Amino acid sequence: MSRLRLSFELWPNMPYGELPIVGPVVNSWGDKPISWCIERVAQYGYEGVDLFFDKYLYELEHKDETELIKEIRNALKATGLIFHSIGAHYLTITPRWWEREDGLKLFQKAVDVGEKIGVNTVVSYIRGGYYDPPTYILMPFEKAWKTLVDIVKRSAKYAKDRGVNISVEPHAGSILQTIQDTLRLLEDVDYENVYVCADTGPAFEIGVKPFMSIRDAVKALGERLNVVHIKDLVGHKGFWKMVWYGGGTVNFDEWAEALKAINYRHFVTVEWEGWFVGGLIGVGETAGVGLSDFDRVAKEALEFLKKHGFG
């Protein structure tokens, strides 16, 4: 069976914009240079690193792009870390066509950067909801599906021409939330460089698990699975919260066994989102208290996951 290698995702401050409900969310590494973060990830014992693309865009305000890419490449070389994935969550099925085009351009920008640095894949979940928020009111399913296929196919072609893989991320509430629909999308797009990102949180624990076991879902995706975001949560569709590793309903032993059964050879990524809490008391986590200390996250997440067959 394969060994499940672990990577760690780097986030910027305010990754999704202003987020007025929870305030301007910040984490302890959010304002640190990407190269500094890469060195830190290596110090904690991870083998790979993932980059939320907005962090790169923030840094571009102060650095020349050629210089920034050189810094990242040098940090990867010095640490020996593998650049696993870029999270470029800009693809959307909104009826606002100009937003779809702008999102596609940003995704393509991430592909360009991935090509220059040497990334395994560029990941996007499909924004715009469908079931939650209910954009089905504006778009019949077949029209929304046709839009989805179009933007993923265009993304795939752009990436293929540059030797880059892309990954779609199913998510509870989106038009792409079941394994069946995910496999249908791969078939309709029909590009061999299109893979799937599995998120152990809302995507699978809430969106997939009520209809299919984790083992069966992972087996169905098989070789098309090339990213796993690992996290814990509680709740149900429409009402879920991130919680600290071990405090929720995710069965980590089951995930480890399922991934090893398909000889999963890519990285399992610590994607900690429980720091999304702000304002006076916050609403981003069940207890209203965020954990934004990424030094603690990097250390304790690794310790926890090693007890469950990862690393």
C-alpha atoms as a PDB file:
ATOM      1  CA  MET A   1       0.000   0.000   0.000  1.00  0.00           C
ATOM      2  CA  SER A   2       1.110   3.563  -0.677  1.00  0.00           C
ATOM      3  CA  ARG A   3       2.314   5.924   2.029  1.00  0.00           C
ATOM      4  CA  LEU A   4       0.082   8.965   2.370  1.00  0.00           C
ATOM      5  CA  ARG A   5       2.316  12.019   2.081  1.00  0.00           C
ATOM      6  CA  LEU A   6       1.187  15.247   3.730  1.00  0.00           C
ATOM      7  CA  SER A   7       1.326  18.805   2.453  1.00  0.00           C
ATOM      8  CA  PHE A   8       0.220  22.098   3.988  1.00  0.00           C
ATOM      9  CA  GLU A   9      -1.834  24.860   2.375  1.00  0.00           C
ATOM     10  CA  LEU A  10      -0.760  28.505   2.589  1.00  0.00           C
ATOM     11  CA  TRP A  11      -3.500  31.098   2.957  1.00  0.00           C
ATOM     12  CA  PRO A  12      -3.474  34.880   2.599  1.00  0.00           C
ATOM     13  CA  ASN A  13      -5.333  37.195   4.921  1.00  0.00           C
ATOM     14  CA  MET A  14      -8.877  37.902   3.697  1.00  0.00           C
ATOM     15  CA  PRO A  15      -8.837  35.057   1.143  1.00  0.00           C
ATOM     16  CA  TYR A  16     -12.392  35.595  -0.067  1.00  0.00           C
ATOM     17  CA  GLY A  17     -12.601  39.379   0.087  1.00  0.00           C
ATOM     18  CA  GLU A  18     -13.980  41.522   2.884  1.00  0.00           C
ATOM     19  CA  LEU A  19     -16.209  38.827   4.460  1.00  0.00           C
ATOM     20  CA  PRO A  20     -18.261  41.455   6.332  1.00  0.00           C
ATOM     21  CA  ILE A  21     -20.075  38.935   8.561  1.00  0.00           C
ATOM     22  CA  VAL A  22     -16.925  37.605  10.180  1.00  0.00           C
ATOM     23  CA  GLY A  23     -14.698  40.634   9.737  1.00  0.00           C
ATOM     24  CA  PRO A  24     -11.323  40.727   7.966  1.00  0.00           C
ATOM     25  CA  VAL A  25     -10.072  37.218   8.699  1.00  0.00           C
ATOM     26  CA  VAL A  26      -6.347  36.904   9.360  1.00  0.00           C
ATOM     27  CA  ASN A  27      -3.944  34.080  10.166  1.00  0.00           C
ATOM     28  CA  SER A  28      -0.467  34.271  11.654  1.00  0.00           C
ATOM     29  CA  TRP A  29       1.232  33.453   8.343  1.00  0.00           C
ATOM     30  CA  GLY A  30      -1.142  35.499   6.199  1.00  0.00           C
ATOM     31  CA  ASP A  31       1.192  38.472   5.778  1.00  0.00           C
ATOM     32  CA  LYS A  32       4.412  36.448   5.569  1.00  0.00           C
ATOM     33  CA  PRO A  33       6.196  35.989   2.198  1.00  0.00           C
ATOM     34  CA  ILE A  34       5.432  32.742   0.384  1.00  0.00           C
ATOM     35  CA  SER A  35       9.113  31.762   0.493  1.00  0.00           C
ATOM     36  CA  TRP A  36       9.142  32.222   4.291  1.00  0.00           C
ATOM     37  CA  CYS A  37       6.032  30.053   4.596  1.00  0.00           C
ATOM     38  CA  ILE A  38       7.552  27.305   2.458  1.00  0.00           C
ATOM     39  CA  GLU A  39      10.591  27.177   4.740  1.00  0.00           C
ATOM     40  CA  ARG A  40       8.283  27.026   7.770  1.00  0.00           C
ATOM     41  CA  VAL A  41       6.247  24.161   6.309  1.00  0.00           C
ATOM     42  CA  ALA A  42       9.421  22.181   5.730  1.00  0.00           C
ATOM     43  CA  GLN A  43      10.595  22.801   9.307  1.00  0.00           C
ATOM     44  CA  TYR A  44       7.443  21.139  10.645  1.00  0.00           C
ATOM     45  CA  GLY A  45       8.090  17.998   8.614  1.00  0.00           C
ATOM     46  CA  TYR A  46       5.709  18.213   5.657  1.00  0.00           C
ATOM     47  CA  GLU A  47       6.779  16.953   2.240  1.00  0.00           C
ATOM     48  CA  GLY A  48       4.647  19.225   0.081  1.00  0.00           C
ATOM     49  CA  VAL A  49       3.082  22.661  -0.005  1.00  0.00           C
ATOM     50  CA  ASP A  50      -0.101  24.056  -1.546  1.00  0.00           C
ATOM     51  CA  LEU A  51      -0.811  27.682  -2.377  1.00  0.00           C
ATOM     52  CA  PHE A  52      -4.092  29.550  -2.222  1.00  0.00           C
ATOM     53  CA  PHE A  53      -3.586  31.723  -5.301  1.00  0.00           C
ATOM     54  CA  ASP A  54      -4.858  34.957  -3.765  1.00  0.00           C
ATOM     55  CA  LYS A  55      -1.740  34.901  -1.555  1.00  0.00           C
ATOM     56  CA  TYR A  56       0.364  35.065  -4.707  1.00  0.00           C
ATOM     57  CA  LEU A  57      -1.758  37.920  -6.073  1.00  0.00           C
ATOM     58  CA  TYR A  58      -1.417  39.890  -2.829  1.00  0.00           C
ATOM     59  CA  GLU A  59       2.361  39.525  -2.977  1.00  0.00           C
ATOM     60  CA  LEU A  60       2.443  40.734  -6.591  1.00  0.00           C
ATOM     61  CA  GLU A  61       1.489  44.199  -5.349  1.00  0.00           C
ATOM     62  CA  HIS A  62       4.947  44.582  -3.839  1.00  0.00           C
ATOM     63  CA  LYS A  63       7.158  42.369  -6.015  1.00  0.00           C
ATOM     64  CA  ASP A  64       8.036  41.901  -9.643  1.00  0.00           C
ATOM     65  CA  GLU A  65       6.530  38.623 -10.863  1.00  0.00           C
ATOM     66  CA  THR A  66       9.817  37.267 -12.202  1.00  0.00           C
ATOM     67  CA  GLU A  67      11.426  37.954  -8.819  1.00  0.00           C
ATOM     68  CA  LEU A  68       8.530  36.340  -6.932  1.00  0.00           C
ATOM     69  CA  ILE A  69       8.588  33.176  -9.029  1.00  0.00           C
ATOM     70  CA  LYS A  70      12.351  32.938  -8.545  1.00  0.00           C
ATOM     71  CA  GLU A  71      11.954  33.271  -4.754  1.00  0.00           C
ATOM     72  CA  ILE A  72       9.353  30.488  -4.671  1.00  0.00           C
ATOM     73  CA  ARG A  73      11.412  28.174  -6.872  1.00  0.00           C
ATOM     74  CA  ASN A  74      14.507  28.782  -4.737  1.00  0.00           C
ATOM     75  CA  ALA A  75      12.577  28.070  -1.527  1.00  0.00           C
ATOM     76  CA  LEU A  76      11.222  24.818  -2.962  1.00  0.00           C
ATOM     77  CA  LYS A  77      14.683  23.762  -4.075  1.00  0.00           C
ATOM     78  CA  ALA A  78      16.275  24.632  -0.737  1.00  0.00           C
ATOM     79  CA  THR A  79      13.671  22.748   1.291  1.00  0.00           C
ATOM     80  CA  GLY A  80      13.010  19.856  -1.062  1.00  0.00           C
ATOM     81  CA  LEU A  81       9.258  20.420  -0.792  1.00  0.00           C
ATOM     82  CA  ILE A  82       7.063  19.486  -3.742  1.00  0.00           C
ATOM     83  CA  PHE A  83       4.722  22.172  -5.045  1.00  0.00           C
ATOM     84  CA  HIS A  84       1.526  20.152  -4.936  1.00  0.00           C
ATOM     85  CA  SER A  85      -1.384  22.391  -5.931  1.00  0.00           C
ATOM     86  CA  ILE A  86      -2.644  25.903  -6.489  1.00  0.00           C
ATOM     87  CA  GLY A  87      -6.126  26.693  -5.210  1.00  0.00           C
ATOM     88  CA  ALA A  88      -7.620  29.007  -7.830  1.00  0.00           C
ATOM     89  CA  HIS A  89     -11.303  29.045  -6.970  1.00  0.00           C
ATOM     90  CA  TYR A  90     -12.531  31.429  -9.635  1.00  0.00           C
ATOM     91  CA  LEU A  91     -14.581  29.282 -12.008  1.00  0.00           C
ATOM     92  CA  THR A  92     -18.272  30.076 -11.659  1.00  0.00           C
ATOM     93  CA  ILE A  93     -21.602  29.241 -13.290  1.00  0.00           C
ATOM     94  CA  THR A  94     -23.197  32.584 -12.536  1.00  0.00           C
ATOM     95  CA  PRO A  95     -25.480  33.982 -15.276  1.00  0.00           C
ATOM     96  CA  ARG A  96     -23.294  37.119 -15.108  1.00  0.00           C
ATOM     97  CA  TRP A  97     -21.195  36.211 -18.143  1.00  0.00           C
ATOM     98  CA  TRP A  98     -18.565  38.860 -17.467  1.00  0.00           C
ATOM     99  CA  GLU A  99     -17.861  37.335 -14.061  1.00  0.00           C
ATOM    100  CA  ARG A 100     -17.482  33.932 -15.685  1.00  0.00           C
ATOM    101  CA  GLU A 101     -14.939  35.361 -18.124  1.00  0.00           C
ATOM    102  CA  ASP A 102     -13.044  37.256 -15.422  1.00  0.00           C
ATOM    103  CA  GLY A 103     -12.918  34.108 -13.305  1.00  0.00           C
ATOM    104  CA  LEU A 104     -11.599  32.093 -16.230  1.00  0.00           C
ATOM    105  CA  LYS A 105      -8.826  34.637 -16.803  1.00  0.00           C
ATOM    106  CA  LEU A 106      -7.746  34.460 -13.163  1.00  0.00           C
ATOM    107  CA  PHE A 107      -7.742  30.670 -13.308  1.00  0.00           C
ATOM    108  CA  GLN A 108      -5.603  30.816 -16.443  1.00  0.00           C
ATOM    109  CA  LYS A 109      -3.230  33.169 -14.642  1.00  0.00           C
ATOM    110  CA  ALA A 110      -2.826  30.526 -11.924  1.00  0.00           C
ATOM    111  CA  VAL A 111      -2.099  27.933 -14.616  1.00  0.00           C
ATOM    112  CA  ASP A 112       0.613  30.199 -16.046  1.00  0.00           C
ATOM    113  CA  VAL A 113       2.240  30.491 -12.625  1.00  0.00           C
ATOM    114  CA  GLY A 114       1.916  26.759 -12.036  1.00  0.00           C
ATOM    115  CA  GLU A 115       3.685  26.066 -15.312  1.00  0.00           C
ATOM    116  CA  LYS A 116       6.599  28.325 -14.360  1.00  0.00           C
ATOM    117  CA  ILE A 117       7.016  26.956 -10.837  1.00  0.00           C
ATOM    118  CA  GLY A 118       6.176  23.319 -11.574  1.00  0.00           C
ATOM    119  CA  VAL A 119       2.886  22.456  -9.895  1.00  0.00           C
ATOM    120  CA  ASN A 120       1.114  19.110  -9.828  1.00  0.00           C
ATOM    121  CA  THR A 121      -2.330  20.600 -10.457  1.00  0.00           C
ATOM    122  CA  VAL A 122      -4.475  23.753 -10.299  1.00  0.00           C
ATOM    123  CA  VAL A 123      -7.693  23.269  -8.330  1.00  0.00           C
ATOM    124  CA  SER A 124     -11.046  25.032  -8.492  1.00  0.00           C
ATOM    125  CA  TYR A 125     -14.373  24.373  -6.890  1.00  0.00           C
ATOM    126  CA  ILE A 126     -17.223  25.800  -8.941  1.00  0.00           C
ATOM    127  CA  ARG A 127     -18.529  29.010  -7.462  1.00  0.00           C
ATOM    128  CA  GLY A 128     -22.059  30.312  -7.851  1.00  0.00           C
ATOM    129  CA  GLY A 129     -23.786  27.575  -5.908  1.00  0.00           C
ATOM    130  CA  TYR A 130     -26.796  26.178  -7.752  1.00  0.00           C
ATOM    131  CA  TYR A 131     -28.620  24.525  -4.891  1.00  0.00           C
ATOM    132  CA  ASP A 132     -27.039  26.727  -2.221  1.00  0.00           C
ATOM    133  CA  PRO A 133     -27.291  29.602  -2.949  1.00  0.00           C
ATOM    134  CA  PRO A 134     -30.290  28.727  -5.149  1.00  0.00           C
ATOM    135  CA  THR A 135     -29.141  29.951  -8.547  1.00  0.00           C
ATOM    136  CA  TYR A 136     -31.392  27.249 -10.022  1.00  0.00           C
ATOM    137  CA  ILE A 137     -34.031  29.982  -9.844  1.00  0.00           C
ATOM    138  CA  LEU A 138     -32.142  31.778 -12.609  1.00  0.00           C
ATOM    139  CA  MET A 139     -30.695  28.871 -14.587  1.00  0.00           C
ATOM    140  CA  PRO A 140     -32.306  25.528 -15.493  1.00  0.00           C
ATOM    141  CA  PHE A 141     -30.083  22.560 -14.738  1.00  0.00           C
ATOM    142  CA  GLU A 142     -29.130  21.783 -18.328  1.00  0.00           C
ATOM    143  CA  LYS A 143     -28.156  25.390 -19.002  1.00  0.00           C
ATOM    144  CA  ALA A 144     -26.073  25.496 -15.827  1.00  0.00           C
ATOM    145  CA  TRP A 145     -24.493  22.144 -16.703  1.00  0.00           C
ATOM    146  CA  LYS A 146     -23.661  23.313 -20.228  1.00  0.00           C
ATOM    147  CA  THR A 147     -22.019  26.412 -18.729  1.00  0.00           C
ATOM    148  CA  LEU A 148     -20.052  24.229 -16.310  1.00  0.00           C
ATOM    149  CA  VAL A 149     -18.798  21.936 -19.063  1.00  0.00           C
ATOM    150  CA  ASP A 150     -17.806  24.931 -21.187  1.00  0.00           C
ATOM    151  CA  ILE A 151     -15.705  26.683 -18.543  1.00  0.00           C
ATOM    152  CA  VAL A 152     -14.013  23.468 -17.387  1.00  0.00           C
ATOM    153  CA  LYS A 153     -13.295  22.419 -20.981  1.00  0.00           C
ATOM    154  CA  ARG A 154     -11.792  25.828 -21.786  1.00  0.00           C
ATOM    155  CA  SER A 155      -9.723  25.681 -18.609  1.00  0.00           C
ATOM    156  CA  ALA A 156      -8.557  22.167 -19.415  1.00  0.00           C
ATOM    157  CA  LYS A 157      -7.500  23.074 -22.949  1.00  0.00           C
ATOM    158  CA  TYR A 158      -5.585  26.123 -21.747  1.00  0.00           C
ATOM    159  CA  ALA A 159      -3.819  24.043 -19.101  1.00  0.00           C
ATOM    160  CA  LYS A 160      -3.104  21.119 -21.420  1.00  0.00           C
ATOM    161  CA  ASP A 161      -1.410  23.429 -23.915  1.00  0.00           C
ATOM    162  CA  ARG A 162       0.962  24.367 -21.082  1.00  0.00           C
ATOM    163  CA  GLY A 163       1.497  20.879 -19.714  1.00  0.00           C
ATOM    164  CA  VAL A 164      -0.510  21.523 -16.525  1.00  0.00           C
ATOM    165  CA  ASN A 165      -3.213  19.405 -14.865  1.00  0.00           C
ATOM    166  CA  ILE A 166      -6.384  20.863 -13.386  1.00  0.00           C
ATOM    167  CA  SER A 167      -8.699  19.495 -10.705  1.00  0.00           C
ATOM    168  CA  VAL A 168     -12.381  20.167 -10.085  1.00  0.00           C
ATOM    169  CA  GLU A 169     -13.615  20.124  -6.498  1.00  0.00           C
ATOM    170  CA  PRO A 170     -17.139  18.840  -5.815  1.00  0.00           C
ATOM    171  CA  HIS A 171     -18.886  20.689  -3.023  1.00  0.00           C
ATOM    172  CA  ALA A 172     -22.142  20.313  -1.096  1.00  0.00           C
ATOM    173  CA  GLY A 173     -24.729  22.737  -2.454  1.00  0.00           C
ATOM    174  CA  SER A 174     -23.002  23.245  -5.788  1.00  0.00           C
ATOM    175  CA  ILE A 175     -24.081  21.782  -9.111  1.00  0.00           C
ATOM    176  CA  LEU A 176     -21.166  19.384  -8.710  1.00  0.00           C
ATOM    177  CA  GLN A 177     -21.822  17.605  -5.425  1.00  0.00           C
ATOM    178  CA  THR A 178     -22.180  13.883  -6.165  1.00  0.00           C
ATOM    179  CA  ILE A 179     -19.681  11.332  -7.442  1.00  0.00           C
ATOM    180  CA  GLN A 180     -22.031  10.515 -10.296  1.00  0.00           C
ATOM    181  CA  ASP A 181     -22.147  14.119 -11.491  1.00  0.00           C
ATOM    182  CA  THR A 182     -18.401  14.483 -11.024  1.00  0.00           C
ATOM    183  CA  LEU A 183     -17.719  11.460 -13.224  1.00  0.00           C
ATOM    184  CA  ARG A 184     -20.256  12.728 -15.747  1.00  0.00           C
ATOM    185  CA  LEU A 185     -18.379  16.041 -15.906  1.00  0.00           C
ATOM    186  CA  LEU A 186     -15.074  14.273 -16.574  1.00  0.00           C
ATOM    187  CA  GLU A 187     -16.744  12.355 -19.381  1.00  0.00           C
ATOM    188  CA  ASP A 188     -18.416  15.429 -20.903  1.00  0.00           C
ATOM    189  CA  VAL A 189     -15.246  17.540 -20.748  1.00  0.00           C
ATOM    190  CA  ASP A 190     -13.163  14.650 -22.113  1.00  0.00           C
ATOM    191  CA  TYR A 191      -9.677  15.970 -21.350  1.00  0.00           C
ATOM    192  CA  GLU A 192      -7.148  13.616 -19.820  1.00  0.00           C
ATOM    193  CA  ASN A 193      -5.568  16.419 -17.738  1.00  0.00           C
ATOM    194  CA  VAL A 194      -8.769  16.943 -15.688  1.00  0.00           C
ATOM    195  CA  TYR A 195      -8.745  15.341 -12.236  1.00  0.00           C
ATOM    196  CA  VAL A 196     -10.744  15.576  -8.996  1.00  0.00           C
ATOM    197  CA  CYS A 197     -10.035  17.154  -5.621  1.00  0.00           C
ATOM    198  CA  ALA A 198     -11.744  15.446  -2.674  1.00  0.00           C
ATOM    199  CA  ASP A 199     -12.450  17.544   0.407  1.00  0.00           C
ATOM    200  CA  THR A 200     -13.100  15.491   3.549  1.00  0.00           C
ATOM    201  CA  GLY A 201     -15.227  18.339   4.930  1.00  0.00           C
ATOM    202  CA  PRO A 202     -18.418  19.694   3.353  1.00  0.00           C
ATOM    203  CA  ALA A 203     -17.696  18.204  -0.062  1.00  0.00           C
ATOM    204  CA  PHE A 204     -17.602  14.543   0.984  1.00  0.00           C
ATOM    205  CA  GLU A 205     -18.773  14.349   4.591  1.00  0.00           C
ATOM    206  CA  ILE A 206     -21.929  16.311   3.733  1.00  0.00           C
ATOM    207  CA  GLY A 207     -22.323  16.202  -0.046  1.00  0.00           C
ATOM    208  CA  VAL A 208     -21.209  12.655  -0.875  1.00  0.00           C
ATOM    209  CA  LYS A 209     -21.459  10.481   2.248  1.00  0.00           C
ATOM    210  CA  PRO A 210     -25.289  10.456   2.532  1.00  0.00           C
ATOM    211  CA  PHE A 211     -25.406   8.689  -0.847  1.00  0.00           C
ATOM    212  CA  MET A 212     -22.190   6.668  -0.985  1.00  0.00           C
ATOM    213  CA  SER A 213     -19.594   5.411   1.464  1.00  0.00           C
ATOM    214  CA  ILE A 214     -16.211   7.119   1.537  1.00  0.00           C
ATOM    215  CA  ARG A 215     -14.508   3.885   0.475  1.00  0.00           C
ATOM    216  CA  ASP A 216     -16.833   3.469  -2.540  1.00  0.00           C
ATOM    217  CA  ALA A 217     -16.501   7.139  -3.495  1.00  0.00           C
ATOM    218  CA  VAL A 218     -12.707   7.053  -3.410  1.00  0.00           C
ATOM    219  CA  LYS A 219     -12.689   3.787  -5.344  1.00  0.00           C
ATOM    220  CA  ALA A 220     -15.029   5.239  -7.994  1.00  0.00           C
ATOM    221  CA  LEU A 221     -12.705   8.189  -8.562  1.00  0.00           C
ATOM    222  CA  GLY A 222      -9.609   6.000  -8.573  1.00  0.00           C
ATOM    223  CA  GLU A 223      -6.801   7.395 -10.719  1.00  0.00           C
ATOM    224  CA  ARG A 224      -8.731  10.597 -11.371  1.00  0.00           C
ATOM    225  CA  LEU A 225      -8.287  11.638  -7.743  1.00  0.00           C
ATOM    226  CA  ASN A 226      -5.137  13.741  -7.354  1.00  0.00           C
ATOM    227  CA  VAL A 227      -5.832  16.107  -4.428  1.00  0.00           C
ATOM    228  CA  VAL A 228      -7.298  15.437  -0.986  1.00  0.00           C
ATOM    229  CA  HIS A 229      -8.062  18.329   1.376  1.00  0.00           C
ATOM    230  CA  ILE A 230      -8.240  16.932   4.883  1.00  0.00           C
ATOM    231  CA  LYS A 231     -10.222  18.644   7.641  1.00  0.00           C
ATOM    232  CA  ASP A 232     -12.940  17.983  10.213  1.00  0.00           C
ATOM    233  CA  LEU A 233     -16.423  19.431  10.687  1.00  0.00           C
ATOM    234  CA  VAL A 234     -19.862  19.044  12.214  1.00  0.00           C
ATOM    235  CA  GLY A 235     -23.325  19.780  10.837  1.00  0.00           C
ATOM    236  CA  HIS A 236     -25.354  18.990   7.744  1.00  0.00           C
ATOM    237  CA  LYS A 237     -26.083  20.473   4.352  1.00  0.00           C
ATOM    238  CA  GLY A 238     -26.525  24.226   4.626  1.00  0.00           C
ATOM    239  CA  PHE A 239     -25.486  24.295   8.298  1.00  0.00           C
ATOM    240  CA  TRP A 240     -21.939  23.129   8.857  1.00  0.00           C
ATOM    241  CA  LYS A 241     -18.944  24.387  10.790  1.00  0.00           C
ATOM    242  CA  MET A 242     -15.242  23.625  10.713  1.00  0.00           C
ATOM    243  CA  VAL A 243     -13.851  22.128  13.911  1.00  0.00           C
ATOM    244  CA  TRP A 244     -10.410  21.122  15.111  1.00  0.00           C
ATOM    245  CA  TYR A 245      -9.062  17.744  13.992  1.00  0.00           C
ATOM    246  CA  GLY A 246     -10.795  15.008  15.952  1.00  0.00           C
ATOM    247  CA  GLY A 247     -13.667  17.201  17.101  1.00  0.00           C
ATOM    248  CA  GLY A 248     -16.033  16.461  14.244  1.00  0.00           C
ATOM    249  CA  THR A 249     -17.598  13.582  12.341  1.00  0.00           C
ATOM    250  CA  VAL A 250     -14.885  12.809   9.763  1.00  0.00           C
ATOM    251  CA  ASN A 251     -13.541   9.260  10.107  1.00  0.00           C
ATOM    252  CA  PHE A 252      -9.842   9.753   9.387  1.00  0.00           C
ATOM    253  CA  ASP A 253      -9.017   6.040   9.681  1.00  0.00           C
ATOM    254  CA  GLU A 254     -11.613   5.309   7.017  1.00  0.00           C
ATOM    255  CA  TRP A 255     -10.097   7.916   4.708  1.00  0.00           C
ATOM    256  CA  ALA A 256      -6.588   6.551   5.177  1.00  0.00           C
ATOM    257  CA  GLU A 257      -7.742   3.019   4.431  1.00  0.00           C
ATOM    258  CA  ALA A 258      -9.743   4.095   1.372  1.00  0.00           C
ATOM    259  CA  LEU A 259      -6.835   6.056  -0.105  1.00  0.00           C
ATOM    260  CA  LYS A 260      -4.330   3.274   0.517  1.00  0.00           C
ATOM    261  CA  ALA A 261      -6.714   0.792  -1.107  1.00  0.00           C
ATOM    262  CA  ILE A 262      -6.462   2.665  -4.431  1.00  0.00           C
ATOM    263  CA  ASN A 263      -2.719   3.187  -4.017  1.00  0.00           C
ATOM    264  CA  TYR A 264      -3.211   6.955  -3.874  1.00  0.00           C
ATOM    265  CA  ARG A 265       0.153   8.481  -4.790  1.00  0.00           C
ATOM    266  CA  HIS A 266      -0.478  12.221  -4.515  1.00  0.00           C
ATOM    267  CA  PHE A 267      -0.551  14.438  -1.424  1.00  0.00           C
ATOM    268  CA  VAL A 268      -3.099  14.759   1.354  1.00  0.00           C
ATOM    269  CA  THR A 269      -3.289  18.458   2.184  1.00  0.00           C
ATOM    270  CA  VAL A 270      -3.869  20.018   5.589  1.00  0.00           C
ATOM    271  CA  GLU A 271      -6.419  22.673   4.627  1.00  0.00           C
ATOM    272  CA  TRP A 272      -7.275  24.358   7.898  1.00  0.00           C
ATOM    273  CA  GLU A 273     -10.167  26.815   7.550  1.00  0.00           C
ATOM    274  CA  GLY A 274     -11.174  27.113  11.203  1.00  0.00           C
ATOM    275  CA  TRP A 275      -9.447  30.491  11.467  1.00  0.00           C
ATOM    276  CA  PHE A 276     -12.314  32.183   9.579  1.00  0.00           C
ATOM    277  CA  VAL A 277     -13.587  34.018  12.645  1.00  0.00           C
ATOM    278  CA  GLY A 278     -13.682  37.746  13.247  1.00  0.00           C
ATOM    279  CA  GLY A 279     -15.815  40.593  14.504  1.00  0.00           C
ATOM    280  CA  LEU A 280     -16.594  40.769  18.229  1.00  0.00           C
ATOM    281  CA  ILE A 281     -17.260  37.065  18.819  1.00  0.00           C
ATOM    282  CA  GLY A 282     -17.178  35.586  15.315  1.00  0.00           C
ATOM    283  CA  VAL A 283     -19.474  33.200  13.493  1.00  0.00           C
ATOM    284  CA  GLY A 284     -16.977  31.051  11.611  1.00  0.00           C
ATOM    285  CA  GLU A 285     -16.731  28.144  14.027  1.00  0.00           C
ATOM    286  CA  THR A 286     -19.090  26.331  16.417  1.00  0.00           C
ATOM    287  CA  ALA A 287     -17.511  27.750  19.562  1.00  0.00           C
ATOM    288  CA  GLY A 288     -17.009  31.202  18.070  1.00  0.00           C
ATOM    289  CA  VAL A 289     -13.260  31.021  18.630  1.00  0.00           C
ATOM    290  CA  GLY A 290     -10.922  30.726  15.678  1.00  0.00           C
ATOM    291  CA  LEU A 291      -7.506  29.088  15.684  1.00  0.00           C
ATOM    292  CA  SER A 292      -5.379  31.383  13.526  1.00  0.00           C
ATOM    293  CA  ASP A 293      -1.985  30.378  14.925  1.00  0.00           C
ATOM    294  CA  PHE A 294      -0.601  28.483  11.939  1.00  0.00           C
ATOM    295  CA  ASP A 295       2.495  27.352  13.827  1.00  0.00           C
ATOM    296  CA  ARG A 296       0.232  25.447  16.170  1.00  0.00           C
ATOM    297  CA  VAL A 297      -1.913  24.226  13.263  1.00  0.00           C
ATOM    298  CA  ALA A 298       1.076  22.929  11.292  1.00  0.00           C
ATOM    299  CA  LYS A 299       2.485  21.091  14.297  1.00  0.00           C
ATOM    300  CA  GLU A 300      -0.654  19.604  15.833  1.00  0.00           C
ATOM    301  CA  ALA A 301      -2.410  18.694  12.582  1.00  0.00           C
ATOM    302  CA  LEU A 302       0.617  16.643  11.572  1.00  0.00           C
ATOM    303  CA  GLU A 303       0.740  14.935  14.961  1.00  0.00           C
ATOM    304  CA  PHE A 304      -2.954  14.091  14.802  1.00  0.00           C
ATOM    305  CA  LEU A 305      -2.919  12.773  11.252  1.00  0.00           C
ATOM    306  CA  LYS A 306       0.106  10.543  11.834  1.00  0.00           C
ATOM    307  CA  LYS A 307      -1.955   8.719  14.469  1.00  0.00           C
ATOM    308  CA  HIS A 308      -4.527   7.899  11.782  1.00  0.00           C
ATOM    309  CA  GLY A 309      -2.333   6.490   9.052  1.00  0.00           C
ATOM    310  CA  PHE A 310      -1.121   9.619   7.287  1.00  0.00           C
ATOM    311  CA  GLY A 311       2.433  10.798   6.836  1.00  0.00           C
END
